[in-house]
PDB file of all heavy atoms in Angstrom:
ATOM      1  N   SER A   1    -233.094 198.007-107.983  1.00  0.00           N
ATOM      2  CA  SER A   1    -231.814 197.321-108.308  1.00  0.00           C
ATOM      3  C   SER A   1    -231.989 195.812-108.256  1.00  0.00           C
ATOM      4  O   SER A   1    -232.662 195.326-107.338  1.00  0.00           O
ATOM      5  CB  SER A   1    -230.726 197.709-107.289  1.00  0.00           C
ATOM      6  OG  SER A   1    -230.423 199.071-107.384  1.00  0.00           O
ATOM      7  N   VAL A   2    -231.415 195.094-109.247  1.00  0.00           N
ATOM      8  CA  VAL A   2    -231.475 193.669-109.297  1.00  0.00           C
ATOM      9  C   VAL A   2    -230.157 193.131-109.886  1.00  0.00           C
ATOM     10  O   VAL A   2    -229.763 193.524-110.997  1.00  0.00           O
ATOM     11  CB  VAL A   2    -232.643 193.175-110.166  1.00  0.00           C
ATOM     12  CG1 VAL A   2    -232.560 191.689-110.428  1.00  0.00           C
ATOM     13  CG2 VAL A   2    -233.963 193.553-109.559  1.00  0.00           C
ATOM     14  N   ASN A   3    -229.485 192.315-109.125  1.00  0.00           N
ATOM     15  CA  ASN A   3    -228.263 191.601-109.625  1.00  0.00           C
ATOM     16  C   ASN A   3    -227.286 192.510-110.391  1.00  0.00           C
ATOM     17  O   ASN A   3    -226.901 192.225-111.479  1.00  0.00           O
ATOM     18  CB  ASN A   3    -228.646 190.414-110.472  1.00  0.00           C
ATOM     19  CG  ASN A   3    -229.467 189.376-109.751  1.00  0.00           C
ATOM     20  OD1 ASN A   3    -229.369 189.266-108.516  1.00  0.00           O
ATOM     21  ND2 ASN A   3    -230.298 188.656-110.467  1.00  0.00           N
ATOM     22  N   GLY A   4    -226.910 193.632-109.770  1.00  0.00           N
ATOM     23  CA  GLY A   4    -225.923 194.494-110.401  1.00  0.00           C
ATOM     24  C   GLY A   4    -226.455 195.438-111.444  1.00  0.00           C
ATOM     25  O   GLY A   4    -225.687 196.163-112.111  1.00  0.00           O
ATOM     26  N   ILE A   5    -227.736 195.486-111.617  1.00  0.00           N
ATOM     27  CA  ILE A   5    -228.354 196.443-112.565  1.00  0.00           C
ATOM     28  C   ILE A   5    -229.246 197.368-111.790  1.00  0.00           C
ATOM     29  O   ILE A   5    -230.107 196.960-111.029  1.00  0.00           O
ATOM     30  CB  ILE A   5    -229.153 195.707-113.654  1.00  0.00           C
ATOM     31  CG1 ILE A   5    -228.223 194.965-114.564  1.00  0.00           C
ATOM     32  CG2 ILE A   5    -230.006 196.727-114.454  1.00  0.00           C
ATOM     33  CD1 ILE A   5    -228.924 194.247-115.714  1.00  0.00           C
ATOM     34  N   ASN A   6    -229.066 198.669-112.007  1.00  0.00           N
ATOM     35  CA  ASN A   6    -229.936 199.680-111.443  1.00  0.00           C
ATOM     36  C   ASN A   6    -230.831 200.167-112.539  1.00  0.00           C
ATOM     37  O   ASN A   6    -230.342 200.648-113.589  1.00  0.00           O
ATOM     38  CB  ASN A   6    -229.125 200.857-110.881  1.00  0.00           C
ATOM     39  CG  ASN A   6    -228.192 200.427-109.790  1.00  0.00           C
ATOM     40  OD1 ASN A   6    -228.532 199.586-108.936  1.00  0.00           O
ATOM     41  ND2 ASN A   6    -226.971 200.946-109.769  1.00  0.00           N
ATOM     42  N   ALA A   7    -232.154 200.053-112.378  1.00  0.00           N
ATOM     43  CA  ALA A   7    -233.106 200.440-113.377  1.00  0.00           C
ATOM     44  C   ALA A   7    -234.002 201.553-112.826  1.00  0.00           C
ATOM     45  O   ALA A   7    -234.430 201.457-111.659  1.00  0.00           O
ATOM     46  CB  ALA A   7    -233.972 199.248-113.789  1.00  0.00           C
ATOM     47  N   GLU A   8    -234.256 202.543-113.662  1.00  0.00           N
ATOM     48  CA  GLU A   8    -235.133 203.652-113.265  1.00  0.00           C
ATOM     49  C   GLU A   8    -236.281 203.710-114.321  1.00  0.00           C
ATOM     50  O   GLU A   8    -236.032 203.829-115.489  1.00  0.00           O
ATOM     51  CB  GLU A   8    -234.408 204.966-113.244  1.00  0.00           C
ATOM     52  CG  GLU A   8    -235.323 206.132-112.895  1.00  0.00           C
ATOM     53  CD  GLU A   8    -234.550 207.463-112.937  1.00  0.00           C
ATOM     54  OE1 GLU A   8    -233.405 207.514-113.285  1.00  0.00           O
ATOM     55  OE2 GLU A   8    -235.221 208.473-112.606  1.00  0.00           O
ATOM     56  N   LEU A   9    -237.507 203.601-113.854  1.00  0.00           N
ATOM     57  CA  LEU A   9    -238.694 203.652-114.732  1.00  0.00           C
ATOM     58  C   LEU A   9    -239.328 205.031-114.589  1.00  0.00           C
ATOM     59  O   LEU A   9    -239.615 205.477-113.528  1.00  0.00           O
ATOM     60  CB  LEU A   9    -239.697 202.608-114.308  1.00  0.00           C
ATOM     61  CG  LEU A   9    -241.056 202.609-115.074  1.00  0.00           C
ATOM     62  CD1 LEU A   9    -240.855 202.130-116.529  1.00  0.00           C
ATOM     63  CD2 LEU A   9    -242.060 201.723-114.361  1.00  0.00           C
ATOM     64  N   THR A  10    -239.518 205.691-115.769  1.00  0.00           N
ATOM     65  CA  THR A  10    -240.103 207.045-115.799  1.00  0.00           C
ATOM     66  C   THR A  10    -241.181 207.104-116.839  1.00  0.00           C
ATOM     67  O   THR A  10    -241.038 206.548-117.914  1.00  0.00           O
ATOM     68  CB  THR A  10    -239.000 208.085-116.148  1.00  0.00           C
ATOM     69  OG1 THR A  10    -237.858 207.852-115.335  1.00  0.00           O
ATOM     70  CG2 THR A  10    -239.508 209.461-115.947  1.00  0.00           C
ATOM     71  N   PHE A  11    -242.294 207.780-116.505  1.00  0.00           N
ATOM     72  CA  PHE A  11    -243.403 207.978-117.423  1.00  0.00           C
ATOM     73  C   PHE A  11    -243.582 209.478-117.727  1.00  0.00           C
ATOM     74  O   PHE A  11    -243.530 210.283-116.817  1.00  0.00           O
ATOM     75  CB  PHE A  11    -244.715 207.484-116.828  1.00  0.00           C
ATOM     76  CG  PHE A  11    -244.823 205.983-116.697  1.00  0.00           C
ATOM     77  CD1 PHE A  11    -244.529 205.352-115.527  1.00  0.00           C
ATOM     78  CD2 PHE A  11    -245.130 205.243-117.824  1.00  0.00           C
ATOM     79  CE1 PHE A  11    -244.625 203.962-115.439  1.00  0.00           C
ATOM     80  CE2 PHE A  11    -245.218 203.865-117.734  1.00  0.00           C
ATOM     81  CZ  PHE A  11    -244.988 203.219-116.568  1.00  0.00           C
ATOM     82  N   ASN A  12    -243.816 209.776-118.981  1.00  0.00           N
ATOM     83  CA  ASN A  12    -244.189 211.129-119.382  1.00  0.00           C
ATOM     84  C   ASN A  12    -243.279 212.222-118.769  1.00  0.00           C
ATOM     85  O   ASN A  12    -242.298 211.926-118.106  1.00  0.00           O
ATOM     86  CB  ASN A  12    -245.670 211.456-119.066  1.00  0.00           C
ATOM     87  CG  ASN A  12    -246.558 210.434-119.698  1.00  0.00           C
ATOM     88  OD1 ASN A  12    -246.428 210.047-120.838  1.00  0.00           O
ATOM     89  ND2 ASN A  12    -247.522 209.894-118.952  1.00  0.00           N
ATOM     90  N   LYS A  13    -243.567 213.466-119.027  1.00  0.00           N
ATOM     91  CA  LYS A  13    -242.796 214.596-118.508  1.00  0.00           C
ATOM     92  C   LYS A  13    -243.016 214.721-116.977  1.00  0.00           C
ATOM     93  O   LYS A  13    -242.079 214.929-116.237  1.00  0.00           O
ATOM     94  CB  LYS A  13    -243.266 215.895-119.149  1.00  0.00           C
ATOM     95  CG  LYS A  13    -242.495 216.347-120.335  1.00  0.00           C
ATOM     96  CD  LYS A  13    -243.227 217.571-120.836  1.00  0.00           C
ATOM     97  CE  LYS A  13    -242.330 218.576-121.393  1.00  0.00           C
ATOM     98  NZ  LYS A  13    -243.047 219.680-122.048  1.00  0.00           N
ATOM     99  N   ASP A  14    -244.226 214.593-116.545  1.00  0.00           N
ATOM    100  CA  ASP A  14    -244.541 214.806-115.135  1.00  0.00           C
ATOM    101  C   ASP A  14    -244.564 213.558-114.333  1.00  0.00           C
ATOM    102  O   ASP A  14    -244.909 213.553-113.148  1.00  0.00           O
ATOM    103  CB  ASP A  14    -245.911 215.512-115.035  1.00  0.00           C
ATOM    104  CG  ASP A  14    -247.016 214.785-115.764  1.00  0.00           C
ATOM    105  OD1 ASP A  14    -246.756 213.680-116.298  1.00  0.00           O
ATOM    106  OD2 ASP A  14    -248.125 215.311-115.796  1.00  0.00           O
ATOM    107  N   ASN A  15    -244.199 212.396-114.940  1.00  0.00           N
ATOM    108  CA  ASN A  15    -244.140 211.115-114.291  1.00  0.00           C
ATOM    109  C   ASN A  15    -245.530 210.677-113.739  1.00  0.00           C
ATOM    110  O   ASN A  15    -245.598 209.882-112.817  1.00  0.00           O
ATOM    111  CB  ASN A  15    -243.099 211.032-113.186  1.00  0.00           C
ATOM    112  CG  ASN A  15    -242.554 209.587-113.072  1.00  0.00           C
ATOM    113  OD1 ASN A  15    -242.564 208.825-114.046  1.00  0.00           O
ATOM    114  ND2 ASN A  15    -242.135 209.260-111.906  1.00  0.00           N
ATOM    115  N   LYS A  16    -246.602 211.223-114.360  1.00  0.00           N
ATOM    116  CA  LYS A  16    -247.966 210.778-114.017  1.00  0.00           C
ATOM    117  C   LYS A  16    -248.418 209.740-115.060  1.00  0.00           C
ATOM    118  O   LYS A  16    -248.266 210.006-116.242  1.00  0.00           O
ATOM    119  CB  LYS A  16    -248.924 211.957-113.906  1.00  0.00           C
ATOM    120  CG  LYS A  16    -248.558 212.848-112.761  1.00  0.00           C
ATOM    121  CD  LYS A  16    -249.596 213.911-112.538  1.00  0.00           C
ATOM    122  CE  LYS A  16    -249.221 214.663-111.301  1.00  0.00           C
ATOM    123  NZ  LYS A  16    -249.707 215.959-111.229  1.00  0.00           N
ATOM    124  N   VAL A  17    -248.963 208.646-114.635  1.00  0.00           N
ATOM    125  CA  VAL A  17    -249.389 207.619-115.535  1.00  0.00           C
ATOM    126  C   VAL A  17    -250.913 207.695-115.687  1.00  0.00           C
ATOM    127  O   VAL A  17    -251.655 207.693-114.712  1.00  0.00           O
ATOM    128  CB  VAL A  17    -249.012 206.227-114.975  1.00  0.00           C
ATOM    129  CG1 VAL A  17    -249.203 205.166-116.022  1.00  0.00           C
ATOM    130  CG2 VAL A  17    -247.563 206.201-114.485  1.00  0.00           C
ATOM    131  N   LYS A  18    -251.323 207.832-116.950  1.00  0.00           N
ATOM    132  CA  LYS A  18    -252.748 208.011-117.261  1.00  0.00           C
ATOM    133  C   LYS A  18    -253.235 206.955-118.219  1.00  0.00           C
ATOM    134  O   LYS A  18    -252.400 206.346-118.929  1.00  0.00           O
ATOM    135  CB  LYS A  18    -252.977 209.374-117.880  1.00  0.00           C
ATOM    136  CG  LYS A  18    -252.538 210.514-116.954  1.00  0.00           C
ATOM    137  CD  LYS A  18    -252.629 211.848-117.617  1.00  0.00           C
ATOM    138  CE  LYS A  18    -252.200 212.918-116.676  1.00  0.00           C
ATOM    139  NZ  LYS A  18    -251.490 213.991-117.275  1.00  0.00           N
ATOM    140  N   THR A  19    -254.525 206.738-118.249  1.00  0.00           N
ATOM    141  CA  THR A  19    -255.070 205.817-119.259  1.00  0.00           C
ATOM    142  C   THR A  19    -254.760 206.381-120.644  1.00  0.00           C
ATOM    143  O   THR A  19    -254.668 207.585-120.830  1.00  0.00           O
ATOM    144  CB  THR A  19    -256.604 205.669-119.103  1.00  0.00           C
ATOM    145  OG1 THR A  19    -257.236 206.948-119.111  1.00  0.00           O
ATOM    146  CG2 THR A  19    -256.920 204.946-117.797  1.00  0.00           C
ATOM    147  N   GLY A  20    -254.583 205.493-121.577  1.00  0.00           N
ATOM    148  CA  GLY A  20    -254.222 205.910-122.958  1.00  0.00           C
ATOM    149  C   GLY A  20    -252.695 205.845-123.137  1.00  0.00           C
ATOM    150  O   GLY A  20    -251.982 205.194-122.369  1.00  0.00           O
ATOM    151  N   ASP A  21    -252.197 206.522-124.166  1.00  0.00           N
ATOM    152  CA  ASP A  21    -250.762 206.459-124.494  1.00  0.00           C
ATOM    153  C   ASP A  21    -249.929 207.195-123.468  1.00  0.00           C
ATOM    154  O   ASP A  21    -250.242 208.317-123.060  1.00  0.00           O
ATOM    155  CB  ASP A  21    -250.531 207.097-125.881  1.00  0.00           C
ATOM    156  CG  ASP A  21    -250.865 206.140-127.010  1.00  0.00           C
ATOM    157  OD1 ASP A  21    -250.847 204.904-126.771  1.00  0.00           O
ATOM    158  OD2 ASP A  21    -251.108 206.597-128.115  1.00  0.00           O
ATOM    159  N   ASN A  22    -248.852 206.611-123.072  1.00  0.00           N
ATOM    160  CA  ASN A  22    -247.853 207.202-122.175  1.00  0.00           C
ATOM    161  C   ASN A  22    -246.477 206.940-122.730  1.00  0.00           C
ATOM    162  O   ASN A  22    -246.157 205.867-123.220  1.00  0.00           O
ATOM    163  CB  ASN A  22    -247.912 206.510-120.786  1.00  0.00           C
ATOM    164  CG  ASN A  22    -249.162 206.853-119.996  1.00  0.00           C
ATOM    165  OD1 ASN A  22    -249.213 207.776-119.256  1.00  0.00           O
ATOM    166  ND2 ASN A  22    -250.239 206.080-120.201  1.00  0.00           N
ATOM    167  N   ASP A  23    -245.599 207.974-122.651  1.00  0.00           N
ATOM    168  CA  ASP A  23    -244.188 207.784-122.949  1.00  0.00           C
ATOM    169  C   ASP A  23    -243.616 207.047-121.787  1.00  0.00           C
ATOM    170  O   ASP A  23    -243.906 207.360-120.617  1.00  0.00           O
ATOM    171  CB  ASP A  23    -243.497 209.134-123.143  1.00  0.00           C
ATOM    172  CG  ASP A  23    -243.995 209.900-124.338  1.00  0.00           C
ATOM    173  OD1 ASP A  23    -244.274 209.236-125.379  1.00  0.00           O
ATOM    174  OD2 ASP A  23    -244.068 211.130-124.292  1.00  0.00           O
ATOM    175  N   VAL A  24    -242.721 206.088-122.053  1.00  0.00           N
ATOM    176  CA  VAL A  24    -242.090 205.323-121.001  1.00  0.00           C
ATOM    177  C   VAL A  24    -240.591 205.285-121.282  1.00  0.00           C
ATOM    178  O   VAL A  24    -240.172 205.168-122.443  1.00  0.00           O
ATOM    179  CB  VAL A  24    -242.688 203.902-120.835  1.00  0.00           C
ATOM    180  CG1 VAL A  24    -242.526 203.081-122.066  1.00  0.00           C
ATOM    181  CG2 VAL A  24    -242.134 203.200-119.629  1.00  0.00           C
ATOM    182  N   MET A  25    -239.774 205.379-120.240  1.00  0.00           N
ATOM    183  CA  MET A  25    -238.322 205.299-120.363  1.00  0.00           C
ATOM    184  C   MET A  25    -237.780 204.487-119.205  1.00  0.00           C
ATOM    185  O   MET A  25    -238.155 204.658-118.044  1.00  0.00           O
ATOM    186  CB  MET A  25    -237.719 206.687-120.371  1.00  0.00           C
ATOM    187  CG  MET A  25    -236.204 206.679-120.475  1.00  0.00           C
ATOM    188  SD  MET A  25    -235.479 208.332-120.636  1.00  0.00           S
ATOM    189  CE  MET A  25    -235.736 208.979-118.977  1.00  0.00           C
ATOM    190  N   ILE A  26    -236.873 203.579-119.547  1.00  0.00           N
ATOM    191  CA  ILE A  26    -236.128 202.855-118.513  1.00  0.00           C
ATOM    192  C   ILE A  26    -234.616 203.205-118.748  1.00  0.00           C
ATOM    193  O   ILE A  26    -234.122 203.101-119.836  1.00  0.00           O
ATOM    194  CB  ILE A  26    -236.313 201.315-118.599  1.00  0.00           C
ATOM    195  CG1 ILE A  26    -237.760 201.047-118.226  1.00  0.00           C
ATOM    196  CG2 ILE A  26    -235.317 200.596-117.749  1.00  0.00           C
ATOM    197  CD1 ILE A  26    -238.099 199.583-118.113  1.00  0.00           C
ATOM    198  N   THR A  27    -234.003 203.696-117.672  1.00  0.00           N
ATOM    199  CA  THR A  27    -232.581 204.017-117.719  1.00  0.00           C
ATOM    200  C   THR A  27    -231.832 202.925-116.913  1.00  0.00           C
ATOM    201  O   THR A  27    -232.205 202.619-115.772  1.00  0.00           O
ATOM    202  CB  THR A  27    -232.346 205.414-117.068  1.00  0.00           C
ATOM    203  OG1 THR A  27    -233.198 206.356-117.692  1.00  0.00           O
ATOM    204  CG2 THR A  27    -230.895 205.780-117.220  1.00  0.00           C
ATOM    205  N   LEU A  28    -230.774 202.373-117.538  1.00  0.00           N
ATOM    206  CA  LEU A  28    -230.055 201.270-116.941  1.00  0.00           C
ATOM    207  C   LEU A  28    -228.605 201.676-116.647  1.00  0.00           C
ATOM    208  O   LEU A  28    -227.929 202.326-117.458  1.00  0.00           O
ATOM    209  CB  LEU A  28    -230.033 200.073-117.851  1.00  0.00           C
ATOM    210  CG  LEU A  28    -231.382 199.460-118.244  1.00  0.00           C
ATOM    211  CD1 LEU A  28    -231.175 198.329-119.270  1.00  0.00           C
ATOM    212  CD2 LEU A  28    -232.091 198.972-117.023  1.00  0.00           C
ATOM    213  N   HIS A  29    -228.141 201.338-115.455  1.00  0.00           N
ATOM    214  CA  HIS A  29    -226.759 201.536-115.031  1.00  0.00           C
ATOM    215  C   HIS A  29    -226.273 200.241-114.335  1.00  0.00           C
ATOM    216  O   HIS A  29    -227.085 199.554-113.712  1.00  0.00           O
ATOM    217  CB  HIS A  29    -226.642 202.711-114.008  1.00  0.00           C
ATOM    218  CG  HIS A  29    -226.913 204.025-114.591  1.00  0.00           C
ATOM    219  ND1 HIS A  29    -228.159 204.577-114.642  1.00  0.00           N
ATOM    220  CD2 HIS A  29    -226.070 204.947-115.128  1.00  0.00           C
ATOM    221  CE1 HIS A  29    -228.118 205.772-115.216  1.00  0.00           C
ATOM    222  NE2 HIS A  29    -226.826 206.003-115.536  1.00  0.00           N
ATOM    223  N   ASP A  30    -224.990 200.007-114.430  1.00  0.00           N
ATOM    224  CA  ASP A  30    -224.451 198.853-113.693  1.00  0.00           C
ATOM    225  C   ASP A  30    -224.129 199.289-112.268  1.00  0.00           C
ATOM    226  O   ASP A  30    -224.368 200.460-111.884  1.00  0.00           O
ATOM    227  CB  ASP A  30    -223.241 198.284-114.421  1.00  0.00           C
ATOM    228  CG  ASP A  30    -222.056 199.193-114.515  1.00  0.00           C
ATOM    229  OD1 ASP A  30    -222.043 200.241-113.807  1.00  0.00           O
ATOM    230  OD2 ASP A  30    -221.120 198.891-115.318  1.00  0.00           O
ATOM    231  N   ASP A  31    -223.575 198.408-111.478  1.00  0.00           N
ATOM    232  CA  ASP A  31    -223.301 198.729-110.089  1.00  0.00           C
ATOM    233  C   ASP A  31    -222.185 199.742-109.860  1.00  0.00           C
ATOM    234  O   ASP A  31    -221.974 200.226-108.790  1.00  0.00           O
ATOM    235  CB  ASP A  31    -223.007 197.450-109.229  1.00  0.00           C
ATOM    236  CG  ASP A  31    -221.990 196.574-109.867  1.00  0.00           C
ATOM    237  OD1 ASP A  31    -221.401 196.937-110.906  1.00  0.00           O
ATOM    238  OD2 ASP A  31    -221.700 195.500-109.285  1.00  0.00           O
ATOM    239  N   LYS A  32    -221.457 200.070-110.963  1.00  0.00           N
ATOM    240  CA  LYS A  32    -220.432 201.131-110.894  1.00  0.00           C
ATOM    241  C   LYS A  32    -220.959 202.426-111.481  1.00  0.00           C
ATOM    242  O   LYS A  32    -220.180 203.299-111.837  1.00  0.00           O
ATOM    243  CB  LYS A  32    -219.181 200.636-111.658  1.00  0.00           C
ATOM    244  CG  LYS A  32    -218.523 199.443-111.044  1.00  0.00           C
ATOM    245  CD  LYS A  32    -217.319 198.972-111.818  1.00  0.00           C
ATOM    246  CE  LYS A  32    -216.708 197.804-111.139  1.00  0.00           C
ATOM    247  NZ  LYS A  32    -217.021 196.535-111.770  1.00  0.00           N
ATOM    248  N   ASP A  33    -222.292 202.506-111.660  1.00  0.00           N
ATOM    249  CA  ASP A  33    -222.985 203.677-112.221  1.00  0.00           C
ATOM    250  C   ASP A  33    -222.618 204.027-113.658  1.00  0.00           C
ATOM    251  O   ASP A  33    -222.722 205.148-114.093  1.00  0.00           O
ATOM    252  CB  ASP A  33    -222.753 204.901-111.302  1.00  0.00           C
ATOM    253  CG  ASP A  33    -223.920 205.900-111.404  1.00  0.00           C
ATOM    254  OD1 ASP A  33    -225.082 205.445-111.637  1.00  0.00           O
ATOM    255  OD2 ASP A  33    -223.676 207.118-111.306  1.00  0.00           O
ATOM    256  N   LYS A  34    -222.219 203.010-114.414  1.00  0.00           N
ATOM    257  CA  LYS A  34    -221.946 203.170-115.838  1.00  0.00           C
ATOM    258  C   LYS A  34    -223.168 202.762-116.623  1.00  0.00           C
ATOM    259  O   LYS A  34    -223.816 201.770-116.301  1.00  0.00           O
ATOM    260  CB  LYS A  34    -220.748 202.284-116.247  1.00  0.00           C
ATOM    261  CG  LYS A  34    -220.323 202.437-117.673  1.00  0.00           C
ATOM    262  CD  LYS A  34    -219.079 201.648-117.971  1.00  0.00           C
ATOM    263  CE  LYS A  34    -218.622 201.889-119.401  1.00  0.00           C
ATOM    264  NZ  LYS A  34    -219.118 200.942-120.339  1.00  0.00           N
ATOM    265  N   GLU A  35    -223.515 203.601-117.648  1.00  0.00           N
ATOM    266  CA  GLU A  35    -224.695 203.330-118.484  1.00  0.00           C
ATOM    267  C   GLU A  35    -224.562 201.958-119.192  1.00  0.00           C
ATOM    268  O   GLU A  35    -223.504 201.622-119.656  1.00  0.00           O
ATOM    269  CB  GLU A  35    -224.923 204.384-119.550  1.00  0.00           C
ATOM    270  CG  GLU A  35    -225.283 205.730-118.989  1.00  0.00           C
ATOM    271  CD  GLU A  35    -224.033 206.612-118.820  1.00  0.00           C
ATOM    272  OE1 GLU A  35    -222.928 206.218-119.230  1.00  0.00           O
ATOM    273  OE2 GLU A  35    -224.215 207.708-118.270  1.00  0.00           O
ATOM    274  N   ILE A  36    -225.674 201.244-119.242  1.00  0.00           N
ATOM    275  CA  ILE A  36    -225.749 199.982-119.953  1.00  0.00           C
ATOM    276  C   ILE A  36    -226.418 200.259-121.277  1.00  0.00           C
ATOM    277  O   ILE A  36    -227.643 200.555-121.314  1.00  0.00           O
ATOM    278  CB  ILE A  36    -226.519 198.919-119.171  1.00  0.00           C
ATOM    279  CG1 ILE A  36    -225.849 198.637-117.815  1.00  0.00           C
ATOM    280  CG2 ILE A  36    -226.656 197.628-120.009  1.00  0.00           C
ATOM    281  CD1 ILE A  36    -226.596 197.718-116.911  1.00  0.00           C
ATOM    282  N   GLU A  37    -225.661 200.183-122.346  1.00  0.00           N
ATOM    283  CA  GLU A  37    -226.184 200.553-123.681  1.00  0.00           C
ATOM    284  C   GLU A  37    -226.368 199.394-124.635  1.00  0.00           C
ATOM    285  O   GLU A  37    -226.876 199.591-125.766  1.00  0.00           O
ATOM    286  CB  GLU A  37    -225.225 201.581-124.325  1.00  0.00           C
ATOM    287  CG  GLU A  37    -225.159 202.866-123.468  1.00  0.00           C
ATOM    288  CD  GLU A  37    -224.475 203.990-124.201  1.00  0.00           C
ATOM    289  OE1 GLU A  37    -224.185 203.875-125.434  1.00  0.00           O
ATOM    290  OE2 GLU A  37    -224.144 204.978-123.547  1.00  0.00           O
ATOM    291  N   ASN A  38    -226.054 198.206-124.233  1.00  0.00           N
ATOM    292  CA  ASN A  38    -226.194 197.045-125.129  1.00  0.00           C
ATOM    293  C   ASN A  38    -227.231 196.050-124.702  1.00  0.00           C
ATOM    294  O   ASN A  38    -227.125 194.850-124.925  1.00  0.00           O
ATOM    295  CB  ASN A  38    -224.808 196.378-125.295  1.00  0.00           C
ATOM    296  CG  ASN A  38    -224.326 195.879-123.935  1.00  0.00           C
ATOM    297  OD1 ASN A  38    -224.799 196.273-122.871  1.00  0.00           O
ATOM    298  ND2 ASN A  38    -223.267 195.035-123.946  1.00  0.00           N
ATOM    299  N   ALA A  39    -228.280 196.528-124.059  1.00  0.00           N
ATOM    300  CA  ALA A  39    -229.307 195.628-123.565  1.00  0.00           C
ATOM    301  C   ALA A  39    -230.503 195.570-124.525  1.00  0.00           C
ATOM    302  O   ALA A  39    -230.694 196.432-125.355  1.00  0.00           O
ATOM    303  CB  ALA A  39    -229.779 196.164-122.194  1.00  0.00           C
ATOM    304  N   ASP A  40    -231.248 194.493-124.360  1.00  0.00           N
ATOM    305  CA  ASP A  40    -232.517 194.340-125.071  1.00  0.00           C
ATOM    306  C   ASP A  40    -233.595 194.458-123.976  1.00  0.00           C
ATOM    307  O   ASP A  40    -233.594 193.651-123.053  1.00  0.00           O
ATOM    308  CB  ASP A  40    -232.578 192.970-125.747  1.00  0.00           C
ATOM    309  CG  ASP A  40    -233.821 192.758-126.540  1.00  0.00           C
ATOM    310  OD1 ASP A  40    -234.428 193.781-126.994  1.00  0.00           O
ATOM    311  OD2 ASP A  40    -234.252 191.606-126.715  1.00  0.00           O
TER     312      ASP A  40
END
């Protein structure tokens, strides 16, 4: 969490990070647990 933003970083299906290509996802919520959909 940073300044009212909760960020969750997830890699791949099993969340194991390996050399080479990895799927990455960041999920953003505000401090009221509402999704943030207009971010860059």
